[in-house]
N, C-alpha and C. Protein backbone atom coordinates (compact mmCIF):
# COMPACT_ATOMS: atom_id res chain seq x y z
N MET A 1 31.33 72.86 -28.94
CA MET A 1 32.18 72.57 -27.80
C MET A 1 33.58 72.25 -28.31
N LYS A 2 34.55 72.68 -27.56
CA LYS A 2 35.95 72.43 -27.89
C LYS A 2 36.53 71.52 -26.81
N THR A 3 37.33 70.55 -27.18
CA THR A 3 37.98 69.70 -26.20
C THR A 3 39.40 70.21 -25.95
N LEU A 4 39.97 69.79 -24.83
CA LEU A 4 41.33 70.19 -24.50
C LEU A 4 42.31 69.52 -25.46
N PRO A 5 43.47 70.16 -25.70
CA PRO A 5 44.48 69.53 -26.54
C PRO A 5 45.05 68.29 -25.85
N ILE A 6 45.84 67.52 -26.57
CA ILE A 6 46.38 66.25 -26.07
C ILE A 6 47.09 66.42 -24.72
N GLY A 7 47.76 67.53 -24.49
CA GLY A 7 48.46 67.76 -23.23
C GLY A 7 47.55 67.92 -22.03
N GLY A 8 46.25 68.14 -22.26
CA GLY A 8 45.29 68.23 -21.16
C GLY A 8 45.30 69.55 -20.43
N SER A 9 45.79 70.62 -21.09
CA SER A 9 45.89 71.91 -20.42
C SER A 9 45.67 73.01 -21.45
N GLU A 10 44.84 74.00 -21.10
CA GLU A 10 44.64 75.13 -22.01
C GLU A 10 44.24 76.37 -21.22
N VAL A 11 44.78 77.52 -21.62
CA VAL A 11 44.40 78.80 -21.04
C VAL A 11 43.35 79.42 -21.96
N VAL A 12 42.22 79.80 -21.37
CA VAL A 12 41.10 80.36 -22.12
C VAL A 12 40.90 81.81 -21.69
N SER A 13 40.86 82.72 -22.65
CA SER A 13 40.55 84.12 -22.36
C SER A 13 39.05 84.31 -22.51
N LEU A 14 38.43 84.81 -21.48
CA LEU A 14 36.97 84.98 -21.45
C LEU A 14 36.65 86.46 -21.59
N PRO A 15 36.03 86.88 -22.70
CA PRO A 15 35.66 88.29 -22.86
C PRO A 15 34.63 88.70 -21.81
N GLU A 16 34.47 90.01 -21.61
CA GLU A 16 33.49 90.49 -20.64
C GLU A 16 32.09 90.04 -21.04
N TYR A 17 31.26 89.78 -20.02
CA TYR A 17 29.86 89.37 -20.17
C TYR A 17 29.70 88.08 -20.99
N THR A 18 30.66 87.18 -20.81
CA THR A 18 30.64 85.88 -21.48
C THR A 18 30.71 84.78 -20.43
N VAL A 19 30.06 83.66 -20.69
CA VAL A 19 30.04 82.53 -19.77
C VAL A 19 30.90 81.40 -20.35
N LEU A 20 31.75 80.83 -19.51
CA LEU A 20 32.55 79.66 -19.86
C LEU A 20 31.81 78.45 -19.30
N THR A 21 31.39 77.53 -20.17
CA THR A 21 30.70 76.32 -19.74
C THR A 21 31.65 75.14 -19.92
N ILE A 22 31.94 74.44 -18.81
CA ILE A 22 32.87 73.31 -18.81
C ILE A 22 32.06 72.03 -18.60
N THR A 23 32.29 71.05 -19.46
CA THR A 23 31.61 69.75 -19.34
C THR A 23 32.65 68.67 -19.11
N MET A 24 32.48 67.89 -18.05
CA MET A 24 33.42 66.84 -17.68
C MET A 24 32.72 65.50 -17.74
N SER A 25 33.32 64.56 -18.45
CA SER A 25 32.78 63.20 -18.54
C SER A 25 33.25 62.37 -17.35
N ALA A 26 32.53 61.29 -17.07
CA ALA A 26 32.88 60.40 -15.97
C ALA A 26 34.26 59.78 -16.21
N GLY A 27 35.00 59.60 -15.14
CA GLY A 27 36.30 58.96 -15.22
C GLY A 27 37.45 59.93 -15.37
N ALA A 28 37.18 61.22 -15.37
CA ALA A 28 38.24 62.22 -15.53
C ALA A 28 38.49 62.97 -14.24
N THR A 29 39.67 63.52 -14.10
CA THR A 29 39.98 64.44 -13.01
C THR A 29 40.44 65.73 -13.64
N GLY A 30 39.88 66.85 -13.18
CA GLY A 30 40.22 68.12 -13.79
C GLY A 30 40.12 69.27 -12.82
N THR A 31 40.71 70.40 -13.22
CA THR A 31 40.63 71.62 -12.41
C THR A 31 40.37 72.82 -13.31
N HIS A 32 39.80 73.84 -12.68
CA HIS A 32 39.61 75.15 -13.29
C HIS A 32 40.36 76.13 -12.42
N GLU A 33 41.28 76.88 -13.00
CA GLU A 33 42.04 77.89 -12.27
C GLU A 33 41.69 79.26 -12.81
N ARG A 34 41.19 80.15 -11.95
CA ARG A 34 40.95 81.54 -12.35
C ARG A 34 42.27 82.26 -12.18
N MET A 35 42.88 82.59 -13.31
CA MET A 35 44.19 83.22 -13.31
C MET A 35 44.04 84.72 -13.05
N GLY A 36 45.16 85.35 -12.73
CA GLY A 36 45.15 86.81 -12.60
C GLY A 36 44.74 87.43 -13.92
N ASN A 37 44.27 88.66 -13.88
CA ASN A 37 43.76 89.29 -15.09
C ASN A 37 44.86 89.64 -16.09
N ASN A 38 46.10 89.76 -15.62
CA ASN A 38 47.22 90.09 -16.50
C ASN A 38 48.29 89.02 -16.35
N PRO A 39 49.01 88.71 -17.42
CA PRO A 39 50.10 87.73 -17.29
C PRO A 39 51.06 88.14 -16.17
N GLY A 40 51.40 87.16 -15.33
CA GLY A 40 52.28 87.43 -14.19
C GLY A 40 51.56 87.71 -12.89
N ASP A 41 50.27 88.04 -12.95
CA ASP A 41 49.47 88.25 -11.73
C ASP A 41 49.26 86.92 -11.02
N ALA A 42 49.08 86.96 -9.72
CA ALA A 42 48.83 85.75 -8.94
C ALA A 42 47.48 85.14 -9.31
N SER A 43 47.41 83.82 -9.19
CA SER A 43 46.18 83.10 -9.44
C SER A 43 45.14 83.49 -8.38
N ILE A 44 43.87 83.55 -8.77
CA ILE A 44 42.81 83.95 -7.85
C ILE A 44 42.23 82.74 -7.12
N SER A 45 42.01 81.63 -7.85
CA SER A 45 41.49 80.43 -7.20
C SER A 45 41.64 79.23 -8.12
N THR A 46 41.68 78.04 -7.52
CA THR A 46 41.68 76.79 -8.28
C THR A 46 40.58 75.90 -7.70
N THR A 47 39.76 75.33 -8.58
CA THR A 47 38.63 74.52 -8.17
C THR A 47 38.67 73.18 -8.90
N ALA A 48 38.43 72.10 -8.17
CA ALA A 48 38.32 70.78 -8.79
C ALA A 48 36.99 70.73 -9.55
N ILE A 49 37.02 70.14 -10.73
CA ILE A 49 35.83 70.00 -11.55
C ILE A 49 35.39 68.54 -11.50
N SER A 50 34.11 68.32 -11.23
CA SER A 50 33.59 66.97 -11.17
C SER A 50 32.75 66.67 -12.40
N THR A 51 32.27 65.46 -12.49
CA THR A 51 31.45 65.03 -13.63
C THR A 51 30.23 65.93 -13.76
N GLY A 52 29.92 66.33 -14.98
CA GLY A 52 28.76 67.18 -15.24
C GLY A 52 29.18 68.48 -15.88
N THR A 53 28.32 69.48 -15.73
CA THR A 53 28.54 70.78 -16.36
C THR A 53 28.72 71.85 -15.30
N THR A 54 29.71 72.70 -15.50
CA THR A 54 30.01 73.81 -14.60
C THR A 54 30.05 75.10 -15.42
N ALA A 55 29.37 76.14 -14.95
CA ALA A 55 29.39 77.44 -15.63
C ALA A 55 30.24 78.42 -14.82
N VAL A 56 31.06 79.20 -15.51
CA VAL A 56 31.91 80.20 -14.89
C VAL A 56 31.62 81.53 -15.56
N GLY A 57 31.37 82.58 -14.75
CA GLY A 57 31.11 83.90 -15.30
C GLY A 57 29.62 84.19 -15.28
N PRO A 58 29.22 85.30 -15.79
CA PRO A 58 30.01 86.28 -16.53
C PRO A 58 30.70 87.27 -15.60
N PHE A 59 31.73 87.89 -16.12
CA PHE A 59 32.46 88.93 -15.41
C PHE A 59 32.30 90.23 -16.20
N ALA A 60 32.43 91.37 -15.54
CA ALA A 60 32.27 92.66 -16.21
C ALA A 60 33.54 93.11 -16.92
N PHE A 61 34.55 92.26 -16.93
CA PHE A 61 35.83 92.59 -17.56
C PHE A 61 36.44 91.28 -18.07
N PRO A 62 37.37 91.34 -19.02
CA PRO A 62 37.99 90.12 -19.53
C PRO A 62 38.74 89.37 -18.42
N THR A 63 38.67 88.05 -18.43
CA THR A 63 39.36 87.22 -17.44
C THR A 63 40.09 86.08 -18.15
N ARG A 64 41.01 85.42 -17.41
CA ARG A 64 41.76 84.30 -17.96
C ARG A 64 41.54 83.08 -17.07
N HIS A 65 41.42 81.91 -17.71
CA HIS A 65 41.11 80.68 -16.99
C HIS A 65 42.00 79.56 -17.53
N HIS A 66 42.57 78.77 -16.61
CA HIS A 66 43.42 77.65 -17.00
C HIS A 66 42.65 76.36 -16.71
N LEU A 67 42.38 75.60 -17.76
CA LEU A 67 41.66 74.33 -17.63
C LEU A 67 42.66 73.18 -17.74
N ARG A 68 42.53 72.19 -16.83
CA ARG A 68 43.38 71.01 -16.86
C ARG A 68 42.51 69.78 -16.69
N CYS A 69 42.86 68.70 -17.42
CA CYS A 69 42.09 67.46 -17.30
C CYS A 69 42.94 66.28 -17.74
N SER A 70 42.72 65.16 -17.06
CA SER A 70 43.38 63.92 -17.44
C SER A 70 42.33 62.82 -17.40
N PRO A 71 42.07 62.13 -18.49
CA PRO A 71 42.57 62.35 -19.85
C PRO A 71 41.90 63.56 -20.49
N ALA A 72 42.64 64.24 -21.37
CA ALA A 72 42.21 65.50 -21.96
C ALA A 72 40.90 65.39 -22.73
N SER A 73 40.66 64.27 -23.36
CA SER A 73 39.47 64.14 -24.21
C SER A 73 38.16 64.12 -23.43
N LEU A 74 38.22 64.03 -22.10
CA LEU A 74 37.00 63.96 -21.29
C LEU A 74 36.52 65.32 -20.78
N MET A 75 37.23 66.40 -21.12
CA MET A 75 36.78 67.74 -20.75
C MET A 75 36.56 68.55 -22.03
N SER A 76 35.42 69.20 -22.11
CA SER A 76 35.16 70.10 -23.22
C SER A 76 34.64 71.42 -22.65
N PHE A 77 34.74 72.48 -23.45
CA PHE A 77 34.28 73.78 -22.97
C PHE A 77 33.72 74.59 -24.12
N ASP A 78 32.94 75.60 -23.76
CA ASP A 78 32.31 76.46 -24.76
C ASP A 78 32.18 77.85 -24.17
N LEU A 79 32.25 78.87 -25.02
CA LEU A 79 32.03 80.26 -24.62
C LEU A 79 30.72 80.73 -25.23
N SER A 80 29.91 81.43 -24.42
CA SER A 80 28.65 81.96 -24.94
C SER A 80 28.34 83.28 -24.26
N ALA A 81 27.60 84.12 -24.94
CA ALA A 81 27.19 85.40 -24.37
C ALA A 81 26.29 85.15 -23.16
N ALA A 82 26.45 85.97 -22.13
CA ALA A 82 25.63 85.84 -20.92
C ALA A 82 24.17 86.15 -21.26
N ASP A 83 23.28 85.41 -20.65
CA ASP A 83 21.85 85.60 -20.87
C ASP A 83 21.28 86.32 -19.66
N PHE A 84 21.32 87.65 -19.70
CA PHE A 84 20.82 88.44 -18.58
C PHE A 84 19.31 88.58 -18.68
N PRO A 85 18.63 88.55 -17.54
CA PRO A 85 17.17 88.75 -17.59
C PRO A 85 16.86 90.18 -18.02
N ALA A 86 15.79 90.35 -18.74
CA ALA A 86 15.37 91.69 -19.13
C ALA A 86 14.84 92.42 -17.90
N VAL A 87 15.25 93.66 -17.74
CA VAL A 87 14.75 94.47 -16.63
C VAL A 87 13.45 95.09 -17.10
N ASN A 88 12.38 94.77 -16.43
CA ASN A 88 11.07 95.29 -16.82
C ASN A 88 10.31 95.72 -15.57
N SER A 89 9.06 95.97 -15.72
CA SER A 89 8.27 96.47 -14.59
C SER A 89 8.08 95.43 -13.49
N ASP A 90 8.45 94.17 -13.74
CA ASP A 90 8.34 93.15 -12.70
C ASP A 90 9.34 93.38 -11.57
N PHE A 91 10.42 94.10 -11.86
CA PHE A 91 11.42 94.38 -10.84
C PHE A 91 11.16 95.74 -10.23
N GLU A 92 11.15 95.80 -8.91
CA GLU A 92 10.90 97.06 -8.23
C GLU A 92 12.21 97.73 -7.82
N ARG A 93 13.26 96.94 -7.69
CA ARG A 93 14.55 97.50 -7.25
C ARG A 93 15.69 96.58 -7.70
N ILE A 94 16.88 97.15 -7.70
CA ILE A 94 18.10 96.41 -8.02
C ILE A 94 19.02 96.52 -6.81
N ALA A 95 19.61 95.41 -6.38
CA ALA A 95 20.50 95.41 -5.22
C ALA A 95 21.82 94.75 -5.59
N LYS A 96 22.92 95.38 -5.16
CA LYS A 96 24.25 94.79 -5.34
C LYS A 96 24.61 94.08 -4.04
N LEU A 97 24.98 92.80 -4.14
CA LEU A 97 25.35 92.00 -2.98
C LEU A 97 26.59 91.17 -3.30
N THR A 98 27.30 90.76 -2.25
CA THR A 98 28.35 89.77 -2.45
C THR A 98 27.67 88.40 -2.53
N GLN A 99 28.40 87.40 -2.97
CA GLN A 99 27.82 86.06 -3.07
C GLN A 99 27.37 85.58 -1.69
N ALA A 100 28.15 85.86 -0.65
CA ALA A 100 27.79 85.43 0.71
C ALA A 100 26.51 86.10 1.19
N GLU A 101 26.35 87.40 0.87
CA GLU A 101 25.13 88.10 1.27
C GLU A 101 23.91 87.52 0.55
N TYR A 102 24.09 87.21 -0.74
CA TYR A 102 22.98 86.63 -1.49
C TYR A 102 22.61 85.25 -0.94
N ASP A 103 23.63 84.43 -0.64
CA ASP A 103 23.39 83.09 -0.10
C ASP A 103 22.66 83.14 1.23
N ALA A 104 22.83 84.22 2.00
CA ALA A 104 22.20 84.34 3.30
C ALA A 104 20.72 84.73 3.22
N LEU A 105 20.26 85.18 2.04
CA LEU A 105 18.85 85.54 1.89
C LEU A 105 18.00 84.29 1.95
N SER A 106 16.89 84.38 2.64
CA SER A 106 16.05 83.19 2.79
C SER A 106 14.57 83.58 2.75
N PRO A 107 13.92 83.52 1.66
CA PRO A 107 14.37 83.39 0.28
C PRO A 107 14.64 84.77 -0.31
N PRO A 108 15.25 84.85 -1.49
CA PRO A 108 15.44 86.16 -2.13
C PRO A 108 14.09 86.78 -2.50
N ASP A 109 14.03 88.09 -2.51
CA ASP A 109 12.81 88.81 -2.86
C ASP A 109 12.60 88.74 -4.37
N PRO A 110 11.47 88.21 -4.85
CA PRO A 110 11.26 88.07 -6.29
C PRO A 110 11.11 89.41 -7.02
N ALA A 111 10.85 90.49 -6.31
CA ALA A 111 10.71 91.80 -6.94
C ALA A 111 12.04 92.53 -7.05
N THR A 112 13.13 91.90 -6.59
CA THR A 112 14.45 92.51 -6.61
C THR A 112 15.35 91.79 -7.60
N LEU A 113 16.05 92.56 -8.43
CA LEU A 113 17.07 92.02 -9.32
C LEU A 113 18.39 92.12 -8.56
N TYR A 114 19.01 90.98 -8.26
CA TYR A 114 20.24 90.94 -7.49
C TYR A 114 21.45 90.88 -8.42
N LEU A 115 22.41 91.77 -8.23
CA LEU A 115 23.67 91.76 -8.95
C LEU A 115 24.74 91.31 -7.98
N ILE A 116 25.40 90.20 -8.29
CA ILE A 116 26.44 89.66 -7.43
C ILE A 116 27.76 90.29 -7.83
N VAL A 117 28.41 90.98 -6.89
CA VAL A 117 29.67 91.66 -7.14
C VAL A 117 30.71 91.18 -6.15
N GLY A 118 31.94 91.28 -6.54
CA GLY A 118 33.04 90.94 -5.63
C GLY A 118 33.35 89.49 -5.51
């Protein structure tokens, strides 16, 4: 795990199919900003980070993320390869859904491998 520098701000480049894991200790205030994919692009979203662990990704393409925390020493992060489930005979079909469509399933079909896109 890597902690933020003294300034409490760092831009992290996330390679494709990699997960960014953010850990926040109690007593800190922090944010995660999904930056545009290229320098100068508009920011995509900013999310407040609370105590505990938050995972971001994986994405099918490289992405950039701006982490901020005060005090800086209370936020740490790590990059790791995504752990995709093996596709085997247990899956009968693969479906591409948006996050909202997946959230609306009640419950998801266990024989379907869901890919969240968009």
